[in-house]
Amino acid sequence: MNSYQPQPGPDLYNKVRGSFVSNGTSLGKWCRENGSSIQAAKSCLTGTWNGPKGRELRQRLIEASGVADSVRSAA
């Protein structure tokens, strides 16, 4: 399975956040349910936390939000 690896930054943060909202939930709710903090989520999505754990969390958020699916279907 290929993983969608977008460039971290403010656009990615907004896409992920918006995708959660369009699916009837929120980034904050996902973080609470998955043992993460909203600060960690924002840091990994914007690229200020870019180590192995940050990259792992970023990929989990991309998959959970559906951003990866929307990019794959547009391709």
N, C-alpha and C. Protein backbone atom coordinates (compact mmCIF):
# COMPACT_ATOMS: atom_id res chain seq x y z
N MET A 1 0.84 -1.18 0.00
CA MET A 1 0.00 0.00 0.00
C MET A 1 0.88 1.24 0.00
N ASN A 2 0.67 2.14 -0.94
CA ASN A 2 1.42 3.38 -0.98
C ASN A 2 0.84 4.37 0.00
N SER A 3 1.71 5.05 0.72
CA SER A 3 1.27 6.07 1.66
C SER A 3 1.37 7.43 0.99
N TYR A 4 0.36 8.23 1.22
CA TYR A 4 0.36 9.59 0.71
C TYR A 4 1.27 10.41 1.60
N GLN A 5 2.30 11.02 1.03
CA GLN A 5 3.28 11.78 1.79
C GLN A 5 3.30 13.24 1.34
N PRO A 6 2.36 14.04 1.80
CA PRO A 6 2.35 15.45 1.41
C PRO A 6 3.40 16.24 2.16
N GLN A 7 3.67 17.42 1.68
CA GLN A 7 4.60 18.31 2.37
C GLN A 7 3.91 18.93 3.57
N PRO A 8 4.54 18.86 4.74
CA PRO A 8 3.93 19.50 5.90
C PRO A 8 3.92 21.02 5.73
N GLY A 9 2.96 21.65 6.33
CA GLY A 9 2.85 23.10 6.28
C GLY A 9 1.44 23.53 6.64
N PRO A 10 1.19 24.82 6.65
CA PRO A 10 -0.14 25.33 7.01
C PRO A 10 -1.25 24.79 6.10
N ASP A 11 -0.96 24.58 4.82
CA ASP A 11 -1.98 24.05 3.92
C ASP A 11 -2.39 22.64 4.31
N LEU A 12 -1.44 21.81 4.67
CA LEU A 12 -1.76 20.44 5.09
C LEU A 12 -2.60 20.47 6.37
N TYR A 13 -2.21 21.30 7.33
CA TYR A 13 -2.97 21.43 8.57
C TYR A 13 -4.42 21.80 8.26
N ASN A 14 -4.62 22.79 7.39
CA ASN A 14 -5.97 23.23 7.05
C ASN A 14 -6.75 22.15 6.30
N LYS A 15 -6.09 21.40 5.41
CA LYS A 15 -6.76 20.32 4.68
C LYS A 15 -7.22 19.22 5.62
N VAL A 16 -6.34 18.81 6.53
CA VAL A 16 -6.68 17.74 7.46
C VAL A 16 -7.80 18.19 8.39
N ARG A 17 -7.67 19.37 8.93
CA ARG A 17 -8.69 19.91 9.83
C ARG A 17 -10.04 20.02 9.11
N GLY A 18 -10.02 20.57 7.90
CA GLY A 18 -11.24 20.72 7.12
C GLY A 18 -11.87 19.39 6.76
N SER A 19 -11.04 18.40 6.48
CA SER A 19 -11.56 17.08 6.13
C SER A 19 -12.27 16.44 7.32
N PHE A 20 -11.70 16.58 8.51
CA PHE A 20 -12.38 16.07 9.70
C PHE A 20 -13.74 16.74 9.86
N VAL A 21 -13.78 18.06 9.70
CA VAL A 21 -15.04 18.80 9.85
C VAL A 21 -16.05 18.38 8.80
N SER A 22 -15.61 18.22 7.56
CA SER A 22 -16.54 17.82 6.51
C SER A 22 -17.08 16.40 6.72
N ASN A 23 -16.37 15.62 7.52
CA ASN A 23 -16.82 14.27 7.86
C ASN A 23 -17.62 14.25 9.17
N GLY A 24 -17.94 15.43 9.70
CA GLY A 24 -18.79 15.51 10.87
C GLY A 24 -18.10 15.35 12.21
N THR A 25 -16.80 15.52 12.24
CA THR A 25 -16.06 15.39 13.49
C THR A 25 -15.06 16.54 13.56
N SER A 26 -14.02 16.39 14.36
CA SER A 26 -13.01 17.45 14.45
C SER A 26 -11.64 16.85 14.72
N LEU A 27 -10.64 17.64 14.43
CA LEU A 27 -9.26 17.24 14.71
C LEU A 27 -9.08 17.05 16.21
N GLY A 28 -9.63 17.96 16.99
CA GLY A 28 -9.52 17.86 18.45
C GLY A 28 -10.14 16.59 19.00
N LYS A 29 -11.29 16.22 18.47
CA LYS A 29 -11.96 15.00 18.92
C LYS A 29 -11.10 13.78 18.58
N TRP A 30 -10.55 13.75 17.35
CA TRP A 30 -9.70 12.64 16.97
C TRP A 30 -8.51 12.55 17.93
N CYS A 31 -7.91 13.68 18.24
CA CYS A 31 -6.75 13.69 19.15
C CYS A 31 -7.13 13.13 20.52
N ARG A 32 -8.25 13.58 21.07
CA ARG A 32 -8.67 13.09 22.38
C ARG A 32 -8.91 11.58 22.34
N GLU A 33 -9.55 11.09 21.30
CA GLU A 33 -9.87 9.66 21.20
C GLU A 33 -8.65 8.79 20.91
N ASN A 34 -7.57 9.40 20.43
CA ASN A 34 -6.39 8.64 20.05
C ASN A 34 -5.16 8.95 20.89
N GLY A 35 -5.36 9.61 22.04
CA GLY A 35 -4.27 9.83 22.98
C GLY A 35 -3.21 10.80 22.52
N SER A 36 -3.60 11.77 21.71
CA SER A 36 -2.65 12.77 21.24
C SER A 36 -3.13 14.15 21.68
N SER A 37 -2.25 15.11 21.61
CA SER A 37 -2.66 16.48 21.93
C SER A 37 -2.85 17.25 20.63
N ILE A 38 -3.71 18.24 20.67
CA ILE A 38 -3.94 19.06 19.49
C ILE A 38 -2.66 19.81 19.12
N GLN A 39 -1.85 20.15 20.11
CA GLN A 39 -0.58 20.83 19.83
C GLN A 39 0.37 19.92 19.05
N ALA A 40 0.42 18.65 19.44
CA ALA A 40 1.27 17.70 18.72
C ALA A 40 0.77 17.52 17.29
N ALA A 41 -0.54 17.44 17.12
CA ALA A 41 -1.12 17.28 15.79
C ALA A 41 -0.76 18.47 14.91
N LYS A 42 -0.95 19.67 15.44
CA LYS A 42 -0.65 20.87 14.65
C LYS A 42 0.84 20.93 14.32
N SER A 43 1.69 20.60 15.28
CA SER A 43 3.14 20.64 15.05
C SER A 43 3.57 19.66 13.98
N CYS A 44 3.02 18.45 14.00
CA CYS A 44 3.45 17.47 13.00
C CYS A 44 2.89 17.82 11.63
N LEU A 45 1.69 18.37 11.57
CA LEU A 45 1.10 18.71 10.28
C LEU A 45 1.77 19.93 9.65
N THR A 46 2.22 20.86 10.47
CA THR A 46 2.88 22.05 9.93
C THR A 46 4.38 21.84 9.72
N GLY A 47 4.93 20.76 10.29
CA GLY A 47 6.33 20.43 10.05
C GLY A 47 7.29 20.88 11.12
N THR A 48 6.79 21.48 12.20
CA THR A 48 7.72 21.88 13.26
C THR A 48 8.14 20.69 14.11
N TRP A 49 7.37 19.62 14.09
CA TRP A 49 7.73 18.35 14.74
C TRP A 49 7.85 17.34 13.62
N ASN A 50 9.06 17.09 13.16
CA ASN A 50 9.26 16.31 11.95
C ASN A 50 10.16 15.09 12.15
N GLY A 51 10.29 14.65 13.38
CA GLY A 51 11.05 13.44 13.65
C GLY A 51 10.21 12.21 13.35
N PRO A 52 10.72 11.04 13.66
CA PRO A 52 10.00 9.80 13.35
C PRO A 52 8.60 9.74 13.95
N LYS A 53 8.45 10.14 15.20
CA LYS A 53 7.12 10.10 15.84
C LYS A 53 6.19 11.14 15.23
N GLY A 54 6.72 12.30 14.89
CA GLY A 54 5.92 13.34 14.24
C GLY A 54 5.45 12.89 12.87
N ARG A 55 6.33 12.26 12.11
CA ARG A 55 5.96 11.77 10.78
C ARG A 55 4.91 10.66 10.89
N GLU A 56 5.06 9.80 11.89
CA GLU A 56 4.08 8.73 12.10
C GLU A 56 2.70 9.31 12.42
N LEU A 57 2.66 10.27 13.34
CA LEU A 57 1.39 10.91 13.70
C LEU A 57 0.80 11.63 12.50
N ARG A 58 1.63 12.31 11.72
CA ARG A 58 1.15 13.00 10.52
C ARG A 58 0.48 12.02 9.56
N GLN A 59 1.10 10.87 9.34
CA GLN A 59 0.52 9.88 8.44
C GLN A 59 -0.80 9.34 8.99
N ARG A 60 -0.87 9.09 10.29
CA ARG A 60 -2.11 8.63 10.90
C ARG A 60 -3.22 9.65 10.72
N LEU A 61 -2.89 10.92 10.90
CA LEU A 61 -3.89 11.98 10.75
C LEU A 61 -4.37 12.11 9.31
N ILE A 62 -3.45 12.00 8.38
CA ILE A 62 -3.80 12.08 6.96
C ILE A 62 -4.75 10.95 6.60
N GLU A 63 -4.44 9.75 7.04
CA GLU A 63 -5.29 8.60 6.74
C GLU A 63 -6.65 8.72 7.43
N ALA A 64 -6.66 9.08 8.71
CA ALA A 64 -7.91 9.16 9.47
C ALA A 64 -8.83 10.27 8.97
N SER A 65 -8.25 11.35 8.48
CA SER A 65 -9.07 12.47 8.03
C SER A 65 -9.69 12.22 6.66
N GLY A 66 -9.10 11.34 5.89
CA GLY A 66 -9.59 11.09 4.54
C GLY A 66 -8.90 11.94 3.49
N VAL A 67 -7.93 12.74 3.89
CA VAL A 67 -7.20 13.58 2.92
C VAL A 67 -6.50 12.71 1.89
N ALA A 68 -5.92 11.61 2.33
CA ALA A 68 -5.22 10.72 1.39
C ALA A 68 -6.18 10.14 0.37
N ASP A 69 -7.38 9.79 0.79
CA ASP A 69 -8.37 9.23 -0.13
C ASP A 69 -8.80 10.25 -1.17
N SER A 70 -8.99 11.49 -0.75
CA SER A 70 -9.42 12.52 -1.70
C SER A 70 -8.33 12.82 -2.74
N VAL A 71 -7.07 12.72 -2.34
CA VAL A 71 -5.97 12.94 -3.28
C VAL A 71 -5.87 11.77 -4.25
N ARG A 72 -6.02 10.56 -3.74
CA ARG A 72 -5.94 9.38 -4.60
C ARG A 72 -7.07 9.37 -5.64
N SER A 73 -8.28 9.76 -5.22
CA SER A 73 -9.40 9.73 -6.15
C SER A 73 -9.31 10.84 -7.19
N ALA A 74 -8.60 11.93 -6.87
CA ALA A 74 -8.42 13.03 -7.81
C ALA A 74 -7.35 12.72 -8.85
N ALA A 75 -6.47 11.77 -8.51
CA ALA A 75 -5.36 11.43 -9.42
C ALA A 75 -5.79 10.59 -10.59
